[in-house]
Amino acid sequence: MNAYDVIKKPVTSEKSYAGIRMKKYVFLVDVNATKTDIKKAVEEIFKVKVASVNTVNIKGKLKRQGRTQGYTPDIKKAYVQLKAESKAIEFFESLG
């Protein structure tokens, strides 16, 4: 799996902004990606050193429109903590 296939996009929310100062970043990742896949992808794309990766699986919600119904897609979030000696990710520096 390519590094750009593992990391889909960064999460830009109030909760994710709070972690930027502590070098903690949040990404939407592929549902089948493991923690080691995510760590390698972040280190390869952003040229940083990752200390830890925590993941959260979120099941899709039931949505209805009239009498038809379906589920939104399942997603997976990764909370990535960088090492203290590592440089920060430039993309998030303008946001924090």
N, C-alpha and C. Protein backbone atom coordinates (compact mmCIF):
# COMPACT_ATOMS: atom_id res chain seq x y z
N MET A 1 0.85 -1.18 0.00
CA MET A 1 0.00 0.00 0.00
C MET A 1 0.90 1.24 0.00
N ASN A 2 0.59 2.19 -0.87
CA ASN A 2 1.33 3.44 -0.98
C ASN A 2 1.07 4.32 0.25
N ALA A 3 2.05 5.15 0.63
CA ALA A 3 1.89 6.03 1.79
C ALA A 3 0.73 7.00 1.60
N TYR A 4 0.52 7.45 0.37
CA TYR A 4 -0.57 8.38 0.09
C TYR A 4 -1.92 7.68 0.05
N ASP A 5 -1.94 6.36 -0.05
CA ASP A 5 -3.18 5.61 0.05
C ASP A 5 -3.58 5.40 1.51
N VAL A 6 -2.60 5.35 2.39
CA VAL A 6 -2.87 5.14 3.82
C VAL A 6 -3.47 6.40 4.44
N ILE A 7 -2.81 7.55 4.22
CA ILE A 7 -3.28 8.82 4.78
C ILE A 7 -4.22 9.46 3.77
N LYS A 8 -5.50 9.61 4.15
CA LYS A 8 -6.46 10.21 3.23
C LYS A 8 -6.45 11.72 3.32
N LYS A 9 -6.66 12.27 4.54
CA LYS A 9 -6.65 13.72 4.71
C LYS A 9 -6.52 14.06 6.19
N PRO A 10 -6.05 15.27 6.50
CA PRO A 10 -5.97 15.69 7.90
C PRO A 10 -7.36 16.09 8.42
N VAL A 11 -7.54 15.93 9.71
CA VAL A 11 -8.79 16.35 10.34
C VAL A 11 -8.58 17.74 10.90
N THR A 12 -9.43 18.67 10.49
CA THR A 12 -9.32 20.05 10.97
C THR A 12 -10.57 20.36 11.79
N SER A 13 -10.46 20.15 13.09
CA SER A 13 -11.55 20.43 14.01
C SER A 13 -10.97 21.11 15.24
N GLU A 14 -11.85 21.58 16.11
CA GLU A 14 -11.39 22.26 17.32
C GLU A 14 -10.53 21.34 18.18
N LYS A 15 -10.93 20.09 18.30
CA LYS A 15 -10.19 19.15 19.13
C LYS A 15 -8.81 18.87 18.53
N SER A 16 -8.73 18.78 17.21
CA SER A 16 -7.43 18.51 16.59
C SER A 16 -6.51 19.74 16.67
N TYR A 17 -7.09 20.95 16.64
CA TYR A 17 -6.27 22.17 16.77
C TYR A 17 -5.62 22.25 18.15
N ALA A 18 -6.30 21.73 19.17
CA ALA A 18 -5.75 21.80 20.53
C ALA A 18 -4.48 20.97 20.67
N GLY A 19 -4.31 19.94 19.88
CA GLY A 19 -3.14 19.08 19.99
C GLY A 19 -1.94 19.53 19.17
N ILE A 20 -2.11 20.52 18.30
CA ILE A 20 -1.02 20.93 17.41
C ILE A 20 0.18 21.45 18.21
N ARG A 21 -0.06 22.19 19.27
CA ARG A 21 1.05 22.72 20.08
C ARG A 21 1.87 21.62 20.74
N MET A 22 1.22 20.48 21.03
CA MET A 22 1.90 19.35 21.66
C MET A 22 2.42 18.34 20.64
N LYS A 23 2.41 18.72 19.36
CA LYS A 23 2.84 17.86 18.25
C LYS A 23 2.00 16.59 18.14
N LYS A 24 0.70 16.76 18.34
CA LYS A 24 -0.26 15.66 18.19
C LYS A 24 -1.20 16.02 17.05
N TYR A 25 -1.25 15.17 16.02
CA TYR A 25 -2.00 15.46 14.81
C TYR A 25 -3.01 14.37 14.55
N VAL A 26 -4.10 14.71 13.86
CA VAL A 26 -5.18 13.77 13.59
C VAL A 26 -5.36 13.65 12.07
N PHE A 27 -5.46 12.41 11.59
CA PHE A 27 -5.64 12.14 10.17
C PHE A 27 -6.76 11.14 9.97
N LEU A 28 -7.47 11.26 8.85
CA LEU A 28 -8.37 10.20 8.39
C LEU A 28 -7.50 9.24 7.59
N VAL A 29 -7.60 7.95 7.89
CA VAL A 29 -6.75 6.96 7.25
C VAL A 29 -7.61 5.86 6.65
N ASP A 30 -6.98 5.01 5.86
CA ASP A 30 -7.65 3.86 5.27
C ASP A 30 -8.14 2.93 6.36
N VAL A 31 -9.32 2.36 6.18
CA VAL A 31 -9.93 1.50 7.20
C VAL A 31 -9.09 0.25 7.46
N ASN A 32 -8.36 -0.23 6.46
CA ASN A 32 -7.57 -1.45 6.62
C ASN A 32 -6.12 -1.18 7.04
N ALA A 33 -5.75 0.07 7.26
CA ALA A 33 -4.37 0.41 7.62
C ALA A 33 -4.11 0.06 9.09
N THR A 34 -2.90 -0.48 9.35
CA THR A 34 -2.50 -0.78 10.72
C THR A 34 -1.71 0.39 11.29
N LYS A 35 -1.43 0.32 12.59
CA LYS A 35 -0.67 1.39 13.23
C LYS A 35 0.73 1.53 12.64
N THR A 36 1.36 0.42 12.31
CA THR A 36 2.71 0.49 11.72
C THR A 36 2.65 1.07 10.31
N ASP A 37 1.59 0.76 9.55
CA ASP A 37 1.42 1.36 8.23
C ASP A 37 1.28 2.88 8.34
N ILE A 38 0.49 3.32 9.31
CA ILE A 38 0.25 4.75 9.51
C ILE A 38 1.54 5.45 9.94
N LYS A 39 2.28 4.83 10.84
CA LYS A 39 3.55 5.41 11.30
C LYS A 39 4.53 5.58 10.14
N LYS A 40 4.69 4.55 9.33
CA LYS A 40 5.60 4.61 8.18
C LYS A 40 5.15 5.67 7.18
N ALA A 41 3.85 5.76 6.94
CA ALA A 41 3.32 6.73 5.97
C ALA A 41 3.55 8.16 6.43
N VAL A 42 3.30 8.46 7.70
CA VAL A 42 3.50 9.82 8.21
C VAL A 42 4.98 10.18 8.18
N GLU A 43 5.85 9.25 8.57
CA GLU A 43 7.29 9.52 8.54
C GLU A 43 7.78 9.74 7.11
N GLU A 44 7.24 8.99 6.17
CA GLU A 44 7.67 9.13 4.77
C GLU A 44 7.16 10.42 4.13
N ILE A 45 5.90 10.75 4.36
CA ILE A 45 5.30 11.92 3.70
C ILE A 45 5.82 13.22 4.30
N PHE A 46 5.85 13.33 5.63
CA PHE A 46 6.17 14.60 6.28
C PHE A 46 7.61 14.69 6.78
N LYS A 47 8.40 13.62 6.67
CA LYS A 47 9.81 13.60 7.09
C LYS A 47 9.96 13.99 8.57
N VAL A 48 9.19 13.31 9.43
CA VAL A 48 9.22 13.53 10.88
C VAL A 48 9.43 12.19 11.58
N LYS A 49 9.62 12.22 12.89
CA LYS A 49 9.75 11.00 13.70
C LYS A 49 8.50 10.85 14.56
N VAL A 50 7.85 9.70 14.46
CA VAL A 50 6.60 9.44 15.16
C VAL A 50 6.89 8.66 16.45
N ALA A 51 6.31 9.13 17.56
CA ALA A 51 6.47 8.45 18.85
C ALA A 51 5.38 7.39 19.03
N SER A 52 4.13 7.74 18.76
CA SER A 52 3.05 6.78 18.95
C SER A 52 1.89 7.08 18.00
N VAL A 53 1.07 6.05 17.77
CA VAL A 53 -0.12 6.17 16.94
C VAL A 53 -1.27 5.50 17.67
N ASN A 54 -2.38 6.23 17.83
CA ASN A 54 -3.61 5.68 18.38
C ASN A 54 -4.68 5.77 17.30
N THR A 55 -5.51 4.74 17.18
CA THR A 55 -6.53 4.73 16.14
C THR A 55 -7.92 4.57 16.74
N VAL A 56 -8.92 5.08 15.98
CA VAL A 56 -10.32 4.99 16.38
C VAL A 56 -11.11 4.56 15.15
N ASN A 57 -11.87 3.47 15.26
CA ASN A 57 -12.78 3.04 14.20
C ASN A 57 -14.16 3.60 14.48
N ILE A 58 -14.76 4.25 13.48
CA ILE A 58 -16.08 4.85 13.64
C ILE A 58 -17.02 4.20 12.63
N LYS A 59 -18.06 3.55 13.14
CA LYS A 59 -19.05 2.90 12.28
C LYS A 59 -19.92 3.97 11.60
N GLY A 60 -20.40 3.66 10.40
CA GLY A 60 -21.26 4.58 9.67
C GLY A 60 -22.63 4.71 10.33
N LYS A 61 -23.22 5.90 10.21
CA LYS A 61 -24.52 6.16 10.79
C LYS A 61 -25.63 5.76 9.81
N LEU A 62 -26.78 5.41 10.36
CA LEU A 62 -27.95 5.09 9.55
C LEU A 62 -28.59 6.40 9.11
N LYS A 63 -28.75 6.57 7.82
CA LYS A 63 -29.40 7.76 7.26
C LYS A 63 -30.63 7.33 6.49
N ARG A 64 -31.69 8.13 6.60
CA ARG A 64 -32.94 7.81 5.90
C ARG A 64 -33.35 8.99 5.04
N GLN A 65 -33.94 8.67 3.90
CA GLN A 65 -34.54 9.67 3.04
C GLN A 65 -35.84 9.07 2.51
N GLY A 66 -36.93 9.50 3.08
CA GLY A 66 -38.21 8.88 2.74
C GLY A 66 -38.26 7.48 3.30
N ARG A 67 -38.60 6.53 2.46
CA ARG A 67 -38.66 5.15 2.94
C ARG A 67 -37.40 4.36 2.63
N THR A 68 -36.44 4.97 1.97
CA THR A 68 -35.17 4.28 1.72
C THR A 68 -34.18 4.65 2.80
N GLN A 69 -33.29 3.73 3.10
CA GLN A 69 -32.31 3.98 4.14
C GLN A 69 -30.99 3.35 3.76
N GLY A 70 -29.91 3.86 4.36
CA GLY A 70 -28.59 3.32 4.11
C GLY A 70 -27.62 3.84 5.16
N TYR A 71 -26.41 3.37 5.10
CA TYR A 71 -25.40 3.76 6.07
C TYR A 71 -24.34 4.63 5.41
N THR A 72 -23.84 5.61 6.17
CA THR A 72 -22.69 6.38 5.71
C THR A 72 -21.46 5.47 5.84
N PRO A 73 -20.37 5.78 5.12
CA PRO A 73 -19.21 4.88 5.17
C PRO A 73 -18.53 4.86 6.54
N ASP A 74 -17.93 3.72 6.88
CA ASP A 74 -17.12 3.61 8.09
C ASP A 74 -15.83 4.40 7.87
N ILE A 75 -15.31 5.02 8.94
CA ILE A 75 -14.06 5.76 8.83
C ILE A 75 -13.12 5.35 9.95
N LYS A 76 -11.85 5.67 9.78
CA LYS A 76 -10.85 5.38 10.79
C LYS A 76 -10.00 6.63 10.97
N LYS A 77 -9.84 7.07 12.23
CA LYS A 77 -9.01 8.22 12.55
C LYS A 77 -7.73 7.75 13.22
N ALA A 78 -6.65 8.46 12.95
CA ALA A 78 -5.37 8.15 13.59
C ALA A 78 -4.88 9.39 14.32
N TYR A 79 -4.58 9.24 15.60
CA TYR A 79 -3.99 10.30 16.40
C TYR A 79 -2.49 10.01 16.47
N VAL A 80 -1.68 10.89 15.87
CA VAL A 80 -0.25 10.67 15.73
C VAL A 80 0.50 11.63 16.65
N GLN A 81 1.30 11.09 17.55
CA GLN A 81 2.14 11.88 18.46
C GLN A 81 3.58 11.83 17.95
N LEU A 82 4.17 13.02 17.71
CA LEU A 82 5.55 13.09 17.25
C LEU A 82 6.50 13.09 18.43
N LYS A 83 7.76 12.71 18.18
CA LYS A 83 8.78 12.75 19.22
C LYS A 83 9.14 14.20 19.52
N ALA A 84 9.67 14.43 20.71
CA ALA A 84 9.98 15.80 21.15
C ALA A 84 11.06 16.44 20.28
N GLU A 85 12.05 15.66 19.85
CA GLU A 85 13.14 16.22 19.05
C GLU A 85 12.76 16.37 17.58
N SER A 86 11.61 15.86 17.17
CA SER A 86 11.18 15.94 15.78
C SER A 86 10.67 17.33 15.46
N LYS A 87 10.82 17.73 14.20
CA LYS A 87 10.28 19.02 13.77
C LYS A 87 8.77 18.89 13.60
N ALA A 88 8.07 20.02 13.65
CA ALA A 88 6.62 20.02 13.50
C ALA A 88 6.27 19.90 12.02
N ILE A 89 5.04 19.51 11.74
CA ILE A 89 4.56 19.40 10.36
C ILE A 89 4.16 20.80 9.89
N GLU A 90 4.74 21.25 8.77
CA GLU A 90 4.52 22.63 8.31
C GLU A 90 3.07 22.91 7.95
N PHE A 91 2.37 21.90 7.40
CA PHE A 91 0.98 22.11 7.01
C PHE A 91 0.13 22.58 8.18
N PHE A 92 0.36 22.04 9.36
CA PHE A 92 -0.45 22.39 10.54
C PHE A 92 0.02 23.65 11.23
N GLU A 93 1.24 24.11 10.96
CA GLU A 93 1.77 25.29 11.65
C GLU A 93 0.96 26.55 11.33
N SER A 94 0.46 26.66 10.11
CA SER A 94 -0.36 27.82 9.74
C SER A 94 -1.73 27.77 10.41
N LEU A 95 -2.18 26.59 10.81
CA LEU A 95 -3.50 26.44 11.41
C LEU A 95 -3.48 26.70 12.91
N GLY A 96 -2.39 26.31 13.58
CA GLY A 96 -2.31 26.42 15.04
C GLY A 96 -1.99 27.78 15.46
